Amino acid sequence: MRMKLDSDKLHDSLGADGLFCTTHWSVVLAAKTGDESEISKALEQLCRAYWYPLYAFVRRRGLSAADAQDLTQQFFHQLLQRDFLRNIARERGRFRSFLLAALKNFLVSAWHKDHAAKRGGGHLFVSWEDLRAEERYAEEPADNVAPDRLFDQRWALAVMEQAMSQLQSELEAAGKGEQFARLKPFLSREGGKEEYAALGEQWGVTAGAVTVAIHRLRRRYGDVLRGIVAQTVAGPDEVEEEVRFLVDQVSAA
């Protein structure tokens, strides 16, 4: 079956604005005084989005898989406590830096010594079995990458994976899931003329039209990525710097 590719409609279906009104900081700050049930749901989503960089950091610190799972889970639980959030202000900077500093403080505190052994207690945010936490960690390079560096690299991948997932959802909602699957590889590499011509032949368009569609898909991915990054920084002036940081981390991984 030949599928018609309309690059203009593709662009229209992706929208124009990649920035969101709700930021990670606004969720955290609202948790100090907002509706507990709604804010808890939002915070749980953040925990689920960023669990692996935190887990990898704890594991790279030399803790066992079981202890790392317990401590990461308990850290998430503490993150939801209003006493913990009381003195937090958006001016503290990047959400990435805030989470890592909070985790480090948590690990050196006496609190975890009293509670780490209580497996299964408290609020369960992530299922380690479903997420294959230790399987993922086993795939990490067996080198001397410092815990902080590993956290930054895995944070960068987590943000980019969120952007890719959102982009995919947008295309699928517009009925263009197959187009996304075919064009996705070209988000990270340049294709050859033969590849573009072959896709154009399948879709009944020119290779030039495929090139335009890929360009627009890359541009939309950049918009989505910046929208997610905007949720993690203190202000819009920090977005581009943080994007460059993430790209550098992925390139070095």
Protein backbone atom coordinates (compact mmCIF):
# COMPACT_ATOMS: atom_id res chain seq x y z
CA MET A 1 0.00 0.00 0.00
CA ARG A 2 1.34 3.42 -0.96
CA MET A 3 0.95 6.04 1.73
CA LYS A 4 0.66 9.67 0.74
CA LEU A 5 3.17 11.91 2.54
CA ASP A 6 2.07 15.53 2.86
CA SER A 7 4.91 17.43 4.53
CA ASP A 8 2.75 20.54 5.07
CA LYS A 9 0.08 18.55 6.87
CA LEU A 10 2.79 16.78 8.81
CA HIS A 11 4.07 20.14 10.00
CA ASP A 12 0.59 21.37 10.84
CA SER A 13 -0.21 18.26 12.84
CA LEU A 14 2.86 18.77 15.00
CA GLY A 15 1.82 22.20 16.17
CA ALA A 16 3.93 25.30 16.68
CA ASP A 17 4.52 25.80 20.39
CA GLY A 18 6.84 23.42 22.24
CA LEU A 19 6.76 25.20 25.64
CA PHE A 20 4.47 24.16 28.46
CA CYS A 21 2.81 26.30 31.09
CA THR A 22 3.42 23.82 33.92
CA THR A 23 7.04 23.36 34.91
CA HIS A 24 8.68 20.84 37.23
CA TRP A 25 9.45 23.71 39.56
CA SER A 26 5.85 24.91 39.62
CA VAL A 27 4.74 21.38 40.54
CA VAL A 28 7.27 21.18 43.37
CA LEU A 29 6.49 24.65 44.68
CA ALA A 30 2.73 24.03 44.51
CA ALA A 31 3.23 20.89 46.57
CA LYS A 32 3.95 23.09 49.58
CA THR A 33 0.41 24.44 49.70
CA GLY A 34 -1.63 22.91 46.86
CA ASP A 35 -4.23 20.17 46.72
CA GLU A 36 -2.46 17.12 48.07
CA SER A 37 -4.00 14.48 45.80
CA GLU A 38 -3.45 16.42 42.57
CA ILE A 39 0.06 17.51 43.45
CA SER A 40 1.00 13.98 44.51
CA LYS A 41 0.00 12.70 41.08
CA ALA A 42 2.17 15.32 39.40
CA LEU A 43 5.14 14.56 41.62
CA GLU A 44 4.75 10.85 41.02
CA GLN A 45 4.97 11.52 37.29
CA LEU A 46 8.26 13.33 37.86
CA CYS A 47 9.54 10.42 39.92
CA ARG A 48 8.64 7.98 37.18
CA ALA A 49 10.29 10.15 34.52
CA TYR A 50 13.61 10.51 36.33
CA TRP A 51 13.95 7.39 38.43
CA TYR A 52 16.74 5.81 36.41
CA PRO A 53 19.37 8.61 36.60
CA LEU A 54 18.87 8.65 40.37
CA TYR A 55 19.01 4.86 40.64
CA ALA A 56 22.15 4.70 38.50
CA PHE A 57 23.79 7.34 40.70
CA VAL A 58 23.08 5.32 43.85
CA ARG A 59 24.30 2.08 42.28
CA ARG A 60 27.50 3.75 41.03
CA ARG A 61 28.13 4.87 44.61
CA GLY A 62 28.69 1.19 45.37
CA LEU A 63 25.40 0.19 46.93
CA SER A 64 23.77 -3.14 46.16
CA ALA A 65 20.80 -3.41 43.83
CA ALA A 66 18.41 -4.06 46.72
CA ASP A 67 19.71 -1.12 48.76
CA ALA A 68 19.68 1.17 45.72
CA GLN A 69 16.06 0.28 45.01
CA ASP A 70 15.07 0.88 48.63
CA LEU A 71 16.90 4.18 48.88
CA THR A 72 15.63 5.53 45.57
CA GLN A 73 12.08 4.60 46.52
CA GLN A 74 12.43 6.19 49.94
CA PHE A 75 13.92 9.31 48.40
CA PHE A 76 10.85 9.64 46.18
CA HIS A 77 8.67 9.23 49.24
CA GLN A 78 10.56 11.98 51.07
CA LEU A 79 10.26 14.25 48.06
CA LEU A 80 6.50 14.31 48.58
CA GLN A 81 6.73 15.44 52.20
CA ARG A 82 5.86 19.07 52.75
CA ASP A 83 8.43 19.43 55.50
CA PHE A 84 11.07 18.56 52.91
CA LEU A 85 9.67 21.07 50.42
CA ARG A 86 9.24 23.94 52.86
CA ASN A 87 12.51 25.73 52.15
CA ILE A 88 12.73 25.01 48.43
CA ALA A 89 12.61 27.98 46.07
CA ARG A 90 12.64 28.09 42.28
CA GLU A 91 15.72 30.31 42.46
CA ARG A 92 17.75 27.23 43.38
CA GLY A 93 18.27 26.72 39.66
CA ARG A 94 18.03 23.66 37.47
CA PHE A 95 15.70 20.89 38.53
CA ARG A 96 18.41 18.41 37.56
CA SER A 97 20.85 19.97 40.03
CA PHE A 98 18.20 20.24 42.73
CA LEU A 99 17.30 16.55 42.52
CA LEU A 100 20.90 15.37 42.61
CA ALA A 101 21.79 17.65 45.55
CA ALA A 102 18.68 16.51 47.41
CA LEU A 103 19.57 12.87 46.78
CA LYS A 104 23.12 13.37 48.02
CA ASN A 105 21.84 15.01 51.19
CA PHE A 106 19.39 12.20 51.65
CA LEU A 107 22.07 9.54 51.30
CA VAL A 108 24.34 11.06 53.94
CA SER A 109 21.54 11.75 56.41
CA ALA A 110 20.70 9.58 59.37
CA TRP A 111 17.18 9.22 58.01
CA HIS A 112 18.01 6.52 55.47
CA LYS A 113 19.88 4.49 58.08
CA ASP A 114 16.65 4.13 60.02
CA HIS A 115 14.42 3.33 57.06
CA ALA A 116 16.38 1.70 54.25
CA ALA A 117 15.84 -1.77 55.66
CA LYS A 118 12.06 -1.39 55.62
CA ARG A 119 11.44 -2.88 52.21
CA GLY A 120 7.97 -2.45 50.80
CA GLY A 121 6.98 0.35 53.18
CA GLY A 122 5.67 3.77 52.29
CA HIS A 123 4.36 4.85 48.92
CA LEU A 124 5.34 2.67 45.95
CA PHE A 125 6.21 4.86 42.99
CA VAL A 126 7.93 2.47 40.63
CA SER A 127 7.92 -1.29 40.16
CA TRP A 128 11.55 -2.32 39.88
CA GLU A 129 10.57 -5.61 38.25
CA ASP A 130 8.52 -3.91 35.55
CA LEU A 131 11.24 -1.33 34.88
CA ARG A 132 14.03 -3.94 34.78
CA ALA A 133 16.17 -1.58 36.84
CA GLU A 134 19.10 -3.90 37.39
CA GLU A 135 19.01 -5.16 33.82
CA ARG A 136 19.43 -1.59 32.64
CA TYR A 137 22.23 -0.94 35.08
CA ALA A 138 24.00 -4.13 34.03
CA GLU A 139 24.27 -2.62 30.54
CA GLU A 140 26.19 0.39 31.84
CA PRO A 141 29.86 0.46 30.80
CA ALA A 142 32.12 -1.13 33.40
CA ASP A 143 34.49 1.83 33.58
CA ASN A 144 35.32 4.53 36.06
CA VAL A 145 32.61 7.03 35.12
CA ALA A 146 31.94 8.97 38.31
CA PRO A 147 28.44 8.78 39.84
CA ASP A 148 27.77 12.47 39.10
CA ARG A 149 28.80 12.07 35.46
CA LEU A 150 26.69 8.94 35.05
CA PHE A 151 23.71 10.77 36.54
CA ASP A 152 24.13 13.66 34.08
CA GLN A 153 24.41 11.31 31.11
CA ARG A 154 21.36 9.29 32.07
CA TRP A 155 19.40 12.45 32.88
CA ALA A 156 20.13 13.74 29.39
CA LEU A 157 18.91 10.49 27.85
CA ALA A 158 15.78 10.55 30.02
CA VAL A 159 14.89 14.06 28.84
CA MET A 160 15.51 13.18 25.19
CA GLU A 161 13.48 9.99 25.51
CA GLN A 162 10.59 12.04 26.89
CA ALA A 163 10.82 14.37 23.91
CA MET A 164 10.86 11.44 21.49
CA SER A 165 7.89 9.83 23.21
CA GLN A 166 5.88 13.04 23.07
CA LEU A 167 6.72 13.54 19.42
CA GLN A 168 5.65 9.99 18.64
CA SER A 169 2.37 10.48 20.48
CA GLU A 170 1.65 13.64 18.50
CA LEU A 171 2.23 11.91 15.18
CA GLU A 172 0.20 8.85 16.15
CA ALA A 173 -2.68 11.08 17.28
CA ALA A 174 -2.56 12.71 13.84
CA GLY A 175 -2.70 9.30 12.17
CA LYS A 176 0.93 9.50 11.07
CA GLY A 177 2.50 6.85 13.28
CA GLU A 178 3.95 4.94 10.33
CA GLN A 179 5.50 8.10 8.92
CA PHE A 180 7.14 8.78 12.27
CA ALA A 181 8.52 5.25 12.44
CA ARG A 182 10.04 5.61 8.97
CA LEU A 183 11.45 9.09 9.57
CA LYS A 184 12.63 8.65 13.17
CA PRO A 185 16.10 7.29 12.22
CA PHE A 186 16.81 10.54 10.37
CA LEU A 187 16.37 12.64 13.49
CA SER A 188 19.89 11.69 14.53
CA ARG A 189 21.62 11.18 11.19
CA GLU A 190 21.63 12.39 7.62
CA GLY A 191 20.19 10.00 5.08
CA GLY A 192 21.46 9.38 1.60
CA LYS A 193 19.73 10.47 -1.58
CA GLU A 194 18.90 6.85 -2.32
CA GLU A 195 17.13 6.45 1.03
CA TYR A 196 15.08 9.60 0.53
CA ALA A 197 14.23 8.59 -3.02
CA ALA A 198 13.12 5.14 -1.85
CA LEU A 199 10.83 6.64 0.78
CA GLY A 200 9.46 9.10 -1.75
CA GLU A 201 8.71 6.25 -4.12
CA GLN A 202 6.79 4.41 -1.39
CA TRP A 203 4.77 7.50 -0.51
CA GLY A 204 4.29 8.88 -3.99
CA VAL A 205 6.27 12.08 -3.46
CA THR A 206 9.66 13.38 -4.48
CA ALA A 207 12.86 12.89 -2.51
CA GLY A 208 12.76 16.64 -1.92
CA ALA A 209 9.41 16.34 -0.16
CA VAL A 210 10.87 13.66 2.12
CA THR A 211 13.80 15.96 2.89
CA VAL A 212 11.39 18.75 3.83
CA ALA A 213 9.37 16.41 6.06
CA ILE A 214 12.52 15.29 7.86
CA HIS A 215 13.61 18.89 8.35
CA ARG A 216 10.24 19.78 9.85
CA LEU A 217 10.28 16.70 12.06
CA ARG A 218 13.71 17.66 13.39
CA ARG A 219 12.52 21.19 14.02
CA ARG A 220 9.48 19.93 15.91
CA TYR A 221 11.63 17.55 17.93
CA GLY A 222 13.80 20.52 18.88
CA ASP A 223 10.69 22.46 19.95
CA VAL A 224 9.45 19.54 22.05
CA LEU A 225 12.87 19.04 23.62
CA ARG A 226 13.13 22.72 24.51
CA GLY A 227 9.63 22.58 25.96
CA ILE A 228 10.63 19.75 28.29
CA VAL A 229 13.90 21.44 29.18
CA ALA A 230 11.98 24.64 29.95
CA GLN A 231 10.19 22.68 32.68
CA THR A 232 13.49 21.89 34.38
CA VAL A 233 15.22 25.28 34.54
CA ALA A 234 14.58 28.45 36.51
CA GLY A 235 13.92 30.68 33.51
CA PRO A 236 13.73 30.84 29.70
CA ASP A 237 17.22 32.30 29.46
CA GLU A 238 18.65 28.97 30.66
CA VAL A 239 16.94 26.73 28.10
CA GLU A 240 19.50 26.84 25.31
CA GLU A 241 22.42 26.37 27.68
CA GLU A 242 20.75 23.34 29.22
CA VAL A 243 19.99 21.88 25.79
CA ARG A 244 23.65 22.20 24.85
CA PHE A 245 24.60 20.53 28.10
CA LEU A 246 22.28 17.58 27.41
CA VAL A 247 23.59 17.16 23.87
CA ASP A 248 27.17 17.18 25.15
CA GLN A 249 26.34 14.53 27.76
CA VAL A 250 24.71 12.21 25.22
CA SER A 251 27.61 12.67 22.83
CA ALA A 252 30.06 11.72 25.57
CA ALA A 253 28.08 8.71 26.79
